[in-house]
PDB file of N, CA and C in Angstrom:
ATOM      1  N   MET A   1     -28.195  24.267  -9.695  1.00  0.00           N
ATOM      2  CA  MET A   1     -27.306  23.541  -8.805  1.00  0.00           C
ATOM      3  C   MET A   1     -26.372  22.680  -9.650  1.00  0.00           C
ATOM      4  N   SER A   2     -25.128  22.709  -9.282  1.00  0.00           N
ATOM      5  CA  SER A   2     -24.108  21.962 -10.001  1.00  0.00           C
ATOM      6  C   SER A   2     -24.053  20.510  -9.522  1.00  0.00           C
ATOM      7  N   HIS A   3     -23.748  19.643 -10.461  1.00  0.00           N
ATOM      8  CA  HIS A   3     -23.610  18.224 -10.119  1.00  0.00           C
ATOM      9  C   HIS A   3     -22.168  17.860  -9.797  1.00  0.00           C
ATOM     10  N   ALA A   4     -21.258  18.815  -9.884  1.00  0.00           N
ATOM     11  CA  ALA A   4     -19.833  18.547  -9.670  1.00  0.00           C
ATOM     12  C   ALA A   4     -19.524  17.967  -8.286  1.00  0.00           C
ATOM     13  N   PRO A   5     -20.089  18.486  -7.181  1.00  0.00           N
ATOM     14  CA  PRO A   5     -19.768  17.892  -5.885  1.00  0.00           C
ATOM     15  C   PRO A   5     -20.208  16.433  -5.774  1.00  0.00           C
ATOM     16  N   TYR A   6     -21.315  16.105  -6.405  1.00  0.00           N
ATOM     17  CA  TYR A   6     -21.800  14.731  -6.356  1.00  0.00           C
ATOM     18  C   TYR A   6     -20.901  13.798  -7.171  1.00  0.00           C
ATOM     19  N   VAL A   7     -20.395  14.302  -8.279  1.00  0.00           N
ATOM     20  CA  VAL A   7     -19.462  13.522  -9.096  1.00  0.00           C
ATOM     21  C   VAL A   7     -18.147  13.322  -8.337  1.00  0.00           C
ATOM     22  N   VAL A   8     -17.676  14.386  -7.686  1.00  0.00           N
ATOM     23  CA  VAL A   8     -16.441  14.282  -6.896  1.00  0.00           C
ATOM     24  C   VAL A   8     -16.627  13.303  -5.751  1.00  0.00           C
ATOM     25  N   ALA A   9     -17.767  13.367  -5.072  1.00  0.00           N
ATOM     26  CA  ALA A   9     -18.034  12.442  -3.964  1.00  0.00           C
ATOM     27  C   ALA A   9     -18.082  10.999  -4.461  1.00  0.00           C
ATOM     28  N   ALA A  10     -18.730  10.769  -5.587  1.00  0.00           N
ATOM     29  CA  ALA A  10     -18.797   9.414  -6.143  1.00  0.00           C
ATOM     30  C   ALA A  10     -17.416   8.926  -6.564  1.00  0.00           C
ATOM     31  N   TRP A  11     -16.624   9.805  -7.174  1.00  0.00           N
ATOM     32  CA  TRP A  11     -15.273   9.420  -7.597  1.00  0.00           C
ATOM     33  C   TRP A  11     -14.397   9.084  -6.394  1.00  0.00           C
ATOM     34  N   LEU A  12     -14.452   9.915  -5.331  1.00  0.00           N
ATOM     35  CA  LEU A  12     -13.679   9.629  -4.123  1.00  0.00           C
ATOM     36  C   LEU A  12     -14.106   8.300  -3.489  1.00  0.00           C
ATOM     37  N   PHE A  13     -15.401   8.066  -3.465  1.00  0.00           N
ATOM     38  CA  PHE A  13     -15.908   6.827  -2.884  1.00  0.00           C
ATOM     39  C   PHE A  13     -15.419   5.615  -3.678  1.00  0.00           C
ATOM     40  N   LEU A  14     -15.542   5.674  -4.983  1.00  0.00           N
ATOM     41  CA  LEU A  14     -15.121   4.541  -5.814  1.00  0.00           C
ATOM     42  C   LEU A  14     -13.611   4.329  -5.767  1.00  0.00           C
ATOM     43  N   ALA A  15     -12.843   5.417  -5.768  1.00  0.00           N
ATOM     44  CA  ALA A  15     -11.386   5.287  -5.678  1.00  0.00           C
ATOM     45  C   ALA A  15     -10.980   4.692  -4.333  1.00  0.00           C
ATOM     46  N   GLY A  16     -11.634   5.120  -3.268  1.00  0.00           N
ATOM     47  CA  GLY A  16     -11.333   4.572  -1.948  1.00  0.00           C
ATOM     48  C   GLY A  16     -11.710   3.112  -1.820  1.00  0.00           C
ATOM     49  N   ILE A  17     -12.879   2.741  -2.329  1.00  0.00           N
ATOM     50  CA  ILE A  17     -13.308   1.339  -2.271  1.00  0.00           C
ATOM     51  C   ILE A  17     -12.393   0.465  -3.117  1.00  0.00           C
ATOM     52  N   TYR A  18     -11.992   0.950  -4.281  1.00  0.00           N
ATOM     53  CA  TYR A  18     -11.055   0.191  -5.111  1.00  0.00           C
ATOM     54  C   TYR A  18      -9.745  -0.046  -4.351  1.00  0.00           C
ATOM     55  N   GLY A  19      -9.264   0.983  -3.674  1.00  0.00           N
ATOM     56  CA  GLY A  19      -8.042   0.837  -2.889  1.00  0.00           C
ATOM     57  C   GLY A  19      -8.201  -0.134  -1.741  1.00  0.00           C
ATOM     58  N   VAL A  20      -9.353  -0.115  -1.082  1.00  0.00           N
ATOM     59  CA  VAL A  20      -9.603  -1.054   0.023  1.00  0.00           C
ATOM     60  C   VAL A  20      -9.614  -2.489  -0.495  1.00  0.00           C
ATOM     61  N   VAL A  21     -10.260  -2.709  -1.624  1.00  0.00           N
ATOM     62  CA  VAL A  21     -10.378  -4.065  -2.169  1.00  0.00           C
ATOM     63  C   VAL A  21      -9.030  -4.594  -2.648  1.00  0.00           C
ATOM     64  N   THR A  22      -8.213  -3.748  -3.237  1.00  0.00           N
ATOM     65  CA  THR A  22      -6.948  -4.210  -3.813  1.00  0.00           C
ATOM     66  C   THR A  22      -5.756  -4.032  -2.880  1.00  0.00           C
ATOM     67  N   SER A  23      -5.956  -3.560  -1.680  1.00  0.00           N
ATOM     68  CA  SER A  23      -4.853  -3.256  -0.773  1.00  0.00           C
ATOM     69  C   SER A  23      -4.145  -4.520  -0.299  1.00  0.00           C
ATOM     70  N   ARG A  24      -2.820  -4.476  -0.306  1.00  0.00           N
ATOM     71  CA  ARG A  24      -1.990  -5.557   0.216  1.00  0.00           C
ATOM     72  C   ARG A  24      -1.120  -5.056   1.356  1.00  0.00           C
ATOM     73  N   ASN A  25      -1.461  -3.903   1.913  1.00  0.00           N
ATOM     74  CA  ASN A  25      -0.725  -3.323   3.016  1.00  0.00           C
ATOM     75  C   ASN A  25      -1.745  -2.644   3.927  1.00  0.00           C
ATOM     76  N   MET A  26      -1.611  -2.851   5.227  1.00  0.00           N
ATOM     77  CA  MET A  26      -2.607  -2.311   6.150  1.00  0.00           C
ATOM     78  C   MET A  26      -2.536  -0.785   6.282  1.00  0.00           C
ATOM     79  N   ILE A  27      -1.369  -0.185   6.047  1.00  0.00           N
ATOM     80  CA  ILE A  27      -1.266   1.270   6.053  1.00  0.00           C
ATOM     81  C   ILE A  27      -2.001   1.830   4.836  1.00  0.00           C
ATOM     82  N   HIS A  28      -1.819   1.195   3.698  1.00  0.00           N
ATOM     83  CA  HIS A  28      -2.542   1.590   2.487  1.00  0.00           C
ATOM     84  C   HIS A  28      -4.039   1.432   2.693  1.00  0.00           C
ATOM     85  N   LEU A  29      -4.433   0.385   3.386  1.00  0.00           N
ATOM     86  CA  LEU A  29      -5.841   0.151   3.697  1.00  0.00           C
ATOM     87  C   LEU A  29      -6.409   1.304   4.529  1.00  0.00           C
ATOM     88  N   ALA A  30      -5.661   1.756   5.533  1.00  0.00           N
ATOM     89  CA  ALA A  30      -6.126   2.861   6.378  1.00  0.00           C
ATOM     90  C   ALA A  30      -6.287   4.144   5.566  1.00  0.00           C
ATOM     91  N   VAL A  31      -5.342   4.406   4.675  1.00  0.00           N
ATOM     92  CA  VAL A  31      -5.423   5.613   3.841  1.00  0.00           C
ATOM     93  C   VAL A  31      -6.616   5.529   2.892  1.00  0.00           C
ATOM     94  N   CYS A  32      -6.836   4.376   2.293  1.00  0.00           N
ATOM     95  CA  CYS A  32      -7.974   4.216   1.376  1.00  0.00           C
ATOM     96  C   CYS A  32      -9.309   4.332   2.099  1.00  0.00           C
ATOM     97  N   MET A  33      -9.362   3.857   3.332  1.00  0.00           N
ATOM     98  CA  MET A  33     -10.587   4.021   4.119  1.00  0.00           C
ATOM     99  C   MET A  33     -10.830   5.495   4.442  1.00  0.00           C
ATOM    100  N   ALA A  34      -9.763   6.251   4.693  1.00  0.00           N
ATOM    101  CA  ALA A  34      -9.901   7.690   4.945  1.00  0.00           C
ATOM    102  C   ALA A  34     -10.376   8.421   3.689  1.00  0.00           C
ATOM    103  N   VAL A  35      -9.895   8.005   2.517  1.00  0.00           N
ATOM    104  CA  VAL A  35     -10.352   8.610   1.257  1.00  0.00           C
ATOM    105  C   VAL A  35     -11.835   8.312   1.045  1.00  0.00           C
ATOM    106  N   THR A  36     -12.234   7.075   1.314  1.00  0.00           N
ATOM    107  CA  THR A  36     -13.648   6.717   1.189  1.00  0.00           C
ATOM    108  C   THR A  36     -14.499   7.553   2.134  1.00  0.00           C
ATOM    109  N   GLN A  37     -14.019   7.738   3.345  1.00  0.00           N
ATOM    110  CA  GLN A  37     -14.759   8.534   4.323  1.00  0.00           C
ATOM    111  C   GLN A  37     -14.834   9.994   3.902  1.00  0.00           C
ATOM    112  N   SER A  38     -13.808  10.506   3.227  1.00  0.00           N
ATOM    113  CA  SER A  38     -13.834  11.903   2.811  1.00  0.00           C
ATOM    114  C   SER A  38     -14.900  12.163   1.749  1.00  0.00           C
ATOM    115  N   SER A  39     -15.310  11.126   1.051  1.00  0.00           N
ATOM    116  CA  SER A  39     -16.397  11.316   0.086  1.00  0.00           C
ATOM    117  C   SER A  39     -17.690  11.713   0.794  1.00  0.00           C
ATOM    118  N   THR A  40     -17.877  11.236   2.017  1.00  0.00           N
ATOM    119  CA  THR A  40     -19.091  11.618   2.745  1.00  0.00           C
ATOM    120  C   THR A  40     -19.043  13.079   3.164  1.00  0.00           C
ATOM    121  N   TYR A  41     -17.827  13.625   3.433  1.00  0.00           N
ATOM    122  CA  TYR A  41     -17.744  15.055   3.756  1.00  0.00           C
ATOM    123  C   TYR A  41     -18.223  15.885   2.574  1.00  0.00           C
ATOM    124  N   VAL A  42     -17.728  15.536   1.400  1.00  0.00           N
ATOM    125  CA  VAL A  42     -18.090  16.282   0.195  1.00  0.00           C
ATOM    126  C   VAL A  42     -19.596  16.173  -0.055  1.00  0.00           C
ATOM    127  N   LEU A  43     -20.133  14.984   0.113  1.00  0.00           N
ATOM    128  CA  LEU A  43     -21.562  14.783  -0.112  1.00  0.00           C
ATOM    129  C   LEU A  43     -22.403  15.575   0.882  1.00  0.00           C
ATOM    130  N   LEU A  44     -22.048  15.521   2.154  1.00  0.00           N
ATOM    131  CA  LEU A  44     -22.818  16.266   3.150  1.00  0.00           C
ATOM    132  C   LEU A  44     -22.735  17.774   2.918  1.00  0.00           C
ATOM    133  N   LEU A  45     -21.555  18.266   2.590  1.00  0.00           N
ATOM    134  CA  LEU A  45     -21.427  19.694   2.342  1.00  0.00           C
ATOM    135  C   LEU A  45     -22.166  20.120   1.073  1.00  0.00           C
ATOM    136  N   ALA A  46     -22.205  19.247   0.074  1.00  0.00           N
ATOM    137  CA  ALA A  46     -22.965  19.565  -1.141  1.00  0.00           C
ATOM    138  C   ALA A  46     -24.458  19.597  -0.860  1.00  0.00           C
ATOM    139  N   ILE A  47     -24.922  18.699  -0.023  1.00  0.00           N
ATOM    140  CA  ILE A  47     -26.347  18.668   0.310  1.00  0.00           C
ATOM    141  C   ILE A  47     -26.740  19.888   1.134  1.00  0.00           C
ATOM    142  N   GLY A  48     -25.869  20.295   2.061  1.00  0.00           N
ATOM    143  CA  GLY A  48     -26.204  21.397   2.951  1.00  0.00           C
ATOM    144  C   GLY A  48     -25.898  22.783   2.422  1.00  0.00           C
ATOM    145  N   TYR A  49     -25.310  22.875   1.236  1.00  0.00           N
ATOM    146  CA  TYR A  49     -24.947  24.178   0.690  1.00  0.00           C
ATOM    147  C   TYR A  49     -26.194  24.977   0.316  1.00  0.00           C
ATOM    148  N   VAL A  50     -26.201  26.235   0.717  1.00  0.00           N
ATOM    149  CA  VAL A  50     -27.280  27.159   0.355  1.00  0.00           C
ATOM    150  C   VAL A  50     -26.639  28.336  -0.361  1.00  0.00           C
ATOM    151  N   ASP A  51     -27.005  28.549  -1.613  1.00  0.00           N
ATOM    152  CA  ASP A  51     -26.429  29.637  -2.403  1.00  0.00           C
ATOM    153  C   ASP A  51     -26.821  30.978  -1.791  1.00  0.00           C
ATOM    154  N   GLY A  52     -25.828  31.736  -1.372  1.00  0.00           N
ATOM    155  CA  GLY A  52     -26.088  33.043  -0.770  1.00  0.00           C
ATOM    156  C   GLY A  52     -26.493  32.957   0.683  1.00  0.00           C
ATOM    157  N   GLY A  53     -26.404  31.797   1.279  1.00  0.00           N
ATOM    158  CA  GLY A  53     -26.786  31.625   2.672  1.00  0.00           C
ATOM    159  C   GLY A  53     -25.721  32.143   3.620  1.00  0.00           C
ATOM    160  N   THR A  54     -26.158  32.595   4.786  1.00  0.00           N
ATOM    161  CA  THR A  54     -25.234  33.088   5.797  1.00  0.00           C
ATOM    162  C   THR A  54     -25.189  32.109   6.962  1.00  0.00           C
ATOM    163  N   ALA A  55     -24.312  32.411   7.902  1.00  0.00           N
ATOM    164  CA  ALA A  55     -24.209  31.578   9.097  1.00  0.00           C
ATOM    165  C   ALA A  55     -25.516  31.660   9.893  1.00  0.00           C
ATOM    166  N   PRO A  56     -25.908  30.577  10.538  1.00  0.00           N
ATOM    167  CA  PRO A  56     -27.195  30.563  11.253  1.00  0.00           C
ATOM    168  C   PRO A  56     -27.123  31.271  12.612  1.00  0.00           C
ATOM    169  N   ILE A  57     -26.730  32.537  12.588  1.00  0.00           N
ATOM    170  CA  ILE A  57     -26.730  33.367  13.796  1.00  0.00           C
ATOM    171  C   ILE A  57     -27.833  34.394  13.581  1.00  0.00           C
ATOM    172  N   TYR A  58     -28.924  34.226  14.263  1.00  0.00           N
ATOM    173  CA  TYR A  58     -30.148  34.978  13.962  1.00  0.00           C
ATOM    174  C   TYR A  58     -30.248  36.311  14.684  1.00  0.00           C
ATOM    175  N   ARG A  59     -29.247  36.705  15.429  1.00  0.00           N
ATOM    176  CA  ARG A  59     -29.346  37.906  16.239  1.00  0.00           C
ATOM    177  C   ARG A  59     -29.377  39.193  15.419  1.00  0.00           C
ATOM    178  N   ASP A  60     -28.512  39.300  14.420  1.00  0.00           N
ATOM    179  CA  ASP A  60     -28.386  40.568  13.699  1.00  0.00           C
ATOM    180  C   ASP A  60     -28.808  40.502  12.237  1.00  0.00           C
ATOM    181  N   ILE A  61     -29.553  39.497  11.835  1.00  0.00           N
ATOM    182  CA  ILE A  61     -29.955  39.416  10.439  1.00  0.00           C
ATOM    183  C   ILE A  61     -31.456  39.643  10.329  1.00  0.00           C
ATOM    184  N   PRO A  62     -31.892  40.223   9.230  1.00  0.00           N
ATOM    185  CA  PRO A  62     -33.327  40.452   9.069  1.00  0.00           C
ATOM    186  C   PRO A  62     -34.088  39.149   8.830  1.00  0.00           C
ATOM    187  N   VAL A  63     -35.353  39.193   9.126  1.00  0.00           N
ATOM    188  CA  VAL A  63     -36.220  38.032   8.923  1.00  0.00           C
ATOM    189  C   VAL A  63     -36.320  37.739   7.429  1.00  0.00           C
ATOM    190  N   GLY A  64     -36.255  36.470   7.067  1.00  0.00           N
ATOM    191  CA  GLY A  64     -36.359  36.061   5.672  1.00  0.00           C
ATOM    192  C   GLY A  64     -35.022  35.884   4.985  1.00  0.00           C
ATOM    193  N   THR A  65     -33.925  36.117   5.686  1.00  0.00           N
ATOM    194  CA  THR A  65     -32.598  35.928   5.102  1.00  0.00           C
ATOM    195  C   THR A  65     -32.293  34.435   5.004  1.00  0.00           C
ATOM    196  N   LYS A  66     -31.692  34.038   3.884  1.00  0.00           N
ATOM    197  CA  LYS A  66     -31.329  32.630   3.715  1.00  0.00           C
ATOM    198  C   LYS A  66     -30.149  32.297   4.619  1.00  0.00           C
ATOM    199  N   VAL A  67     -30.271  31.192   5.354  1.00  0.00           N
ATOM    200  CA  VAL A  67     -29.189  30.730   6.223  1.00  0.00           C
ATOM    201  C   VAL A  67     -28.897  29.265   5.924  1.00  0.00           C
ATOM    202  N   VAL A  68     -27.713  28.846   6.301  1.00  0.00           N
ATOM    203  CA  VAL A  68     -27.294  27.463   6.129  1.00  0.00           C
ATOM    204  C   VAL A  68     -27.823  26.654   7.311  1.00  0.00           C
ATOM    205  N   ASP A  69     -28.264  25.442   7.048  1.00  0.00           N
ATOM    206  CA  ASP A  69     -28.749  24.558   8.102  1.00  0.00           C
ATOM    207  C   ASP A  69     -27.579  24.174   9.006  1.00  0.00           C
ATOM    208  N   PRO A  70     -27.656  24.405  10.311  1.00  0.00           N
ATOM    209  CA  PRO A  70     -26.523  24.109  11.195  1.00  0.00           C
ATOM    210  C   PRO A  70     -26.323  22.619  11.460  1.00  0.00           C
ATOM    211  N   VAL A  71     -27.273  21.795  11.090  1.00  0.00           N
ATOM    212  CA  VAL A  71     -27.144  20.358  11.334  1.00  0.00           C
ATOM    213  C   VAL A  71     -26.082  19.740  10.423  1.00  0.00           C
ATOM    214  N   VAL A  72     -25.960  20.221   9.209  1.00  0.00           N
ATOM    215  CA  VAL A  72     -25.023  19.637   8.247  1.00  0.00           C
ATOM    216  C   VAL A  72     -23.571  19.795   8.698  1.00  0.00           C
ATOM    217  N   PRO A  73     -23.121  20.994   9.109  1.00  0.00           N
ATOM    218  CA  PRO A  73     -21.749  21.077   9.616  1.00  0.00           C
ATOM    219  C   PRO A  73     -21.522  20.224  10.864  1.00  0.00           C
ATOM    220  N   ALA A  74     -22.540  20.089  11.689  1.00  0.00           N
ATOM    221  CA  ALA A  74     -22.412  19.225  12.868  1.00  0.00           C
ATOM    222  C   ALA A  74     -22.243  17.764  12.450  1.00  0.00           C
ATOM    223  N   LEU A  75     -22.960  17.343  11.421  1.00  0.00           N
ATOM    224  CA  LEU A  75     -22.799  15.980  10.909  1.00  0.00           C
ATOM    225  C   LEU A  75     -21.412  15.766  10.302  1.00  0.00           C
ATOM    226  N   VAL A  76     -20.887  16.785   9.618  1.00  0.00           N
ATOM    227  CA  VAL A  76     -19.547  16.672   9.040  1.00  0.00           C
ATOM    228  C   VAL A  76     -18.504  16.545  10.151  1.00  0.00           C
ATOM    229  N   LEU A  77     -18.640  17.338  11.204  1.00  0.00           N
ATOM    230  CA  LEU A  77     -17.703  17.219  12.329  1.00  0.00           C
ATOM    231  C   LEU A  77     -17.794  15.852  12.988  1.00  0.00           C
ATOM    232  N   THR A  78     -18.994  15.339  13.140  1.00  0.00           N
ATOM    233  CA  THR A  78     -19.155  13.992  13.688  1.00  0.00           C
ATOM    234  C   THR A  78     -18.525  12.960  12.773  1.00  0.00           C
ATOM    235  N   ASP A  79     -18.683  13.140  11.478  1.00  0.00           N
ATOM    236  CA  ASP A  79     -18.093  12.230  10.497  1.00  0.00           C
ATOM    237  C   ASP A  79     -16.571  12.267  10.560  1.00  0.00           C
ATOM    238  N   ILE A  80     -16.000  13.448  10.777  1.00  0.00           N
ATOM    239  CA  ILE A  80     -14.550  13.570  10.901  1.00  0.00           C
ATOM    240  C   ILE A  80     -14.055  12.826  12.135  1.00  0.00           C
ATOM    241  N   VAL A  81     -14.771  12.955  13.242  1.00  0.00           N
ATOM    242  CA  VAL A  81     -14.383  12.249  14.466  1.00  0.00           C
ATOM    243  C   VAL A  81     -14.440  10.736  14.255  1.00  0.00           C
ATOM    244  N   VAL A  82     -15.468  10.257  13.595  1.00  0.00           N
ATOM    245  CA  VAL A  82     -15.577   8.826  13.313  1.00  0.00           C
ATOM    246  C   VAL A  82     -14.445   8.368  12.399  1.00  0.00           C
ATOM    247  N   SER A  83     -14.112   9.171  11.402  1.00  0.00           N
ATOM    248  CA  SER A  83     -13.035   8.828  10.476  1.00  0.00           C
ATOM    249  C   SER A  83     -11.687   8.749  11.182  1.00  0.00           C
ATOM    250  N   VAL A  84     -11.397   9.717  12.041  1.00  0.00           N
ATOM    251  CA  VAL A  84     -10.133   9.710  12.773  1.00  0.00           C
ATOM    252  C   VAL A  84     -10.068   8.501  13.710  1.00  0.00           C
ATOM    253  N   THR A  85     -11.169   8.186  14.353  1.00  0.00           N
ATOM    254  CA  THR A  85     -11.207   7.021  15.243  1.00  0.00           C
ATOM    255  C   THR A  85     -10.995   5.733  14.463  1.00  0.00           C
ATOM    256  N   LEU A  86     -11.638   5.608  13.334  1.00  0.00           N
ATOM    257  CA  LEU A  86     -11.479   4.412  12.507  1.00  0.00           C
ATOM    258  C   LEU A  86     -10.053   4.281  11.986  1.00  0.00           C
ATOM    259  N   THR A  87      -9.469   5.393  11.562  1.00  0.00           N
ATOM    260  CA  THR A  87      -8.085   5.370  11.083  1.00  0.00           C
ATOM    261  C   THR A  87      -7.130   4.980  12.210  1.00  0.00           C
ATOM    262  N   ALA A  88      -7.339   5.517  13.395  1.00  0.00           N
ATOM    263  CA  ALA A  88      -6.488   5.168  14.537  1.00  0.00           C
ATOM    264  C   ALA A  88      -6.620   3.689  14.882  1.00  0.00           C
ATOM    265  N   LEU A  89      -7.831   3.156  14.807  1.00  0.00           N
ATOM    266  CA  LEU A  89      -8.036   1.737  15.096  1.00  0.00           C
ATOM    267  C   LEU A  89      -7.315   0.849  14.087  1.00  0.00           C
ATOM    268  N   VAL A  90      -7.445   1.158  12.810  1.00  0.00           N
ATOM    269  CA  VAL A  90      -6.796   0.344  11.775  1.00  0.00           C
ATOM    270  C   VAL A  90      -5.281   0.451  11.874  1.00  0.00           C
ATOM    271  N   LEU A  91      -4.771   1.646  12.144  1.00  0.00           N
ATOM    272  CA  LEU A  91      -3.327   1.802  12.282  1.00  0.00           C
ATOM    273  C   LEU A  91      -2.797   1.073  13.521  1.00  0.00           C
ATOM    274  N   THR A  92      -3.569   1.064  14.595  1.00  0.00           N
ATOM    275  CA  THR A  92      -3.178   0.301  15.784  1.00  0.00           C
ATOM    276  C   THR A  92      -3.163  -1.188  15.491  1.00  0.00           C
ATOM    277  N   LEU A  93      -4.176  -1.677  14.806  1.00  0.00           N
ATOM    278  CA  LEU A  93      -4.203  -3.093  14.432  1.00  0.00           C
ATOM    279  C   LEU A  93      -3.048  -3.434  13.500  1.00  0.00           C
ATOM    280  N   ALA A  94      -2.702  -2.526  12.594  1.00  0.00           N
ATOM    281  CA  ALA A  94      -1.578  -2.763  11.696  1.00  0.00           C
ATOM    282  C   ALA A  94      -0.271  -2.826  12.474  1.00  0.00           C
ATOM    283  N   SER A  95      -0.114  -1.938  13.432  1.00  0.00           N
ATOM    284  CA  SER A  95       1.091  -1.923  14.252  1.00  0.00           C
ATOM    285  C   SER A  95       1.220  -3.199  15.080  1.00  0.00           C
ATOM    286  N   ARG A  96       0.113  -3.636  15.654  1.00  0.00           N
ATOM    287  CA  ARG A  96       0.129  -4.872  16.449  1.00  0.00           C
ATOM    288  C   ARG A  96       0.381  -6.095  15.573  1.00  0.00           C
ATOM    289  N   ALA A  97      -0.180  -6.108  14.391  1.00  0.00           N
ATOM    290  CA  ALA A  97       0.037  -7.236  13.480  1.00  0.00           C
ATOM    291  C   ALA A  97       1.496  -7.290  13.040  1.00  0.00           C
ATOM    292  N   HIS A  98       2.078  -6.139  12.762  1.00  0.00           N
ATOM    293  CA  HIS A  98       3.480  -6.108  12.357  1.00  0.00           C
ATOM    294  C   HIS A  98       4.405  -6.524  13.508  1.00  0.00           C
ATOM    295  N   ALA A  99       4.068  -6.099  14.723  1.00  0.00           N
ATOM    296  CA  ALA A  99       4.899  -6.443  15.876  1.00  0.00           C
ATOM    297  C   ALA A  99       4.832  -7.932  16.194  1.00  0.00           C
ATOM    298  N   SER A 100       3.658  -8.528  16.039  1.00  0.00           N
ATOM    299  CA  SER A 100       3.525  -9.940  16.421  1.00  0.00           C
ATOM    300  C   SER A 100       3.814 -10.913  15.279  1.00  0.00           C
ATOM    301  N   LYS A 101       3.476 -10.567  14.057  1.00  0.00           N
ATOM    302  CA  LYS A 101       3.633 -11.491  12.930  1.00  0.00           C
ATOM    303  C   LYS A 101       4.678 -11.057  11.922  1.00  0.00           C
ATOM    304  N   GLY A 102       5.141  -9.808  12.003  1.00  0.00           N
ATOM    305  CA  GLY A 102       6.179  -9.342  11.105  1.00  0.00           C
ATOM    306  C   GLY A 102       5.722  -9.040   9.692  1.00  0.00           C
ATOM    307  N   THR A 103       4.438  -8.842   9.494  1.00  0.00           N
ATOM    308  CA  THR A 103       3.928  -8.553   8.155  1.00  0.00           C
ATOM    309  C   THR A 103       2.818  -7.520   8.231  1.00  0.00           C
ATOM    310  N   MET A 104       2.656  -6.786   7.135  1.00  0.00           N
ATOM    311  CA  MET A 104       1.564  -5.817   7.025  1.00  0.00           C
ATOM    312  C   MET A 104       0.531  -6.273   6.003  1.00  0.00           C
ATOM    313  N   ASP A 105       0.757  -7.437   5.406  1.00  0.00           N
ATOM    314  CA  ASP A 105      -0.157  -7.973   4.407  1.00  0.00           C
ATOM    315  C   ASP A 105      -1.323  -8.676   5.110  1.00  0.00           C
ATOM    316  N   PRO A 106      -2.568  -8.216   4.889  1.00  0.00           N
ATOM    317  CA  PRO A 106      -3.695  -8.854   5.556  1.00  0.00           C
ATOM    318  C   PRO A 106      -3.876 -10.326   5.155  1.00  0.00           C
ATOM    319  N   ASP A 107      -3.497 -10.677   3.941  1.00  0.00           N
ATOM    320  CA  ASP A 107      -3.648 -12.068   3.515  1.00  0.00           C
ATOM    321  C   ASP A 107      -2.618 -12.997   4.159  1.00  0.00           C
ATOM    322  N   ALA A 108      -1.504 -12.463   4.619  1.00  0.00           N
ATOM    323  CA  ALA A 108      -0.462 -13.285   5.237  1.00  0.00           C
ATOM    324  C   ALA A 108      -0.717 -13.533   6.726  1.00  0.00           C
ATOM    325  N   LEU A 109      -1.664 -12.807   7.291  1.00  0.00           N
ATOM    326  CA  LEU A 109      -1.962 -13.006   8.712  1.00  0.00           C
ATOM    327  C   LEU A 109      -2.769 -14.290   8.886  1.00  0.00           C
ATOM    328  N   PRO A 110      -2.508 -15.035   9.962  1.00  0.00           N
ATOM    329  CA  PRO A 110      -3.278 -16.254  10.190  1.00  0.00           C
ATOM    330  C   PRO A 110      -4.715 -15.933  10.571  1.00  0.00           C
ATOM    331  N   GLU A 111      -5.594 -16.893  10.343  1.00  0.00           N
ATOM    332  CA  GLU A 111      -6.994 -16.702  10.685  1.00  0.00           C
ATOM    333  C   GLU A 111      -7.167 -16.724  12.204  1.00  0.00           C
ATOM    334  N   LEU A 112      -8.183 -15.989  12.655  1.00  0.00           N
ATOM    335  CA  LEU A 112      -8.486 -15.971  14.076  1.00  0.00           C
ATOM    336  C   LEU A 112      -9.152 -17.274  14.490  1.00  0.00           C
ATOM    337  N   LYS A 113      -8.818 -17.742  15.649  1.00  0.00           N
ATOM    338  CA  LYS A 113      -9.454 -18.943  16.185  1.00  0.00           C
ATOM    339  C   LYS A 113     -10.262 -18.527  17.397  1.00  0.00           C
ATOM    340  N   GLY A 114     -11.451 -19.077  17.511  1.00  0.00           N
ATOM    341  CA  GLY A 114     -12.217 -18.733  18.695  1.00  0.00           C
ATOM    342  C   GLY A 114     -13.654 -19.000  18.628  1.00  0.00           C
TER     343      GLY A 114
END
């Protein structure tokens, strides 16, 4: 088994987190969060990969054939939905912040009171 997918996942995660920490623009923040989230896709697909495995459709394959676990692709699809929702939320907040305060810099926004 190759360690390359795990290295790629770690690199994407670290690059995304670095971007989130150093971001001075909310659009950049949303993109960096999406990059961080994409590291989980790579990790899940690396974990669920079966060398020589086929699709988990058991109707026409002989007994004992290696198949891919169907839970992993379902988790990746769920992860994609969560990522798109999170990106939409951050972009909406960025749009509202720009409309009301005229800035996209998170540090320039006033603190919440409440």
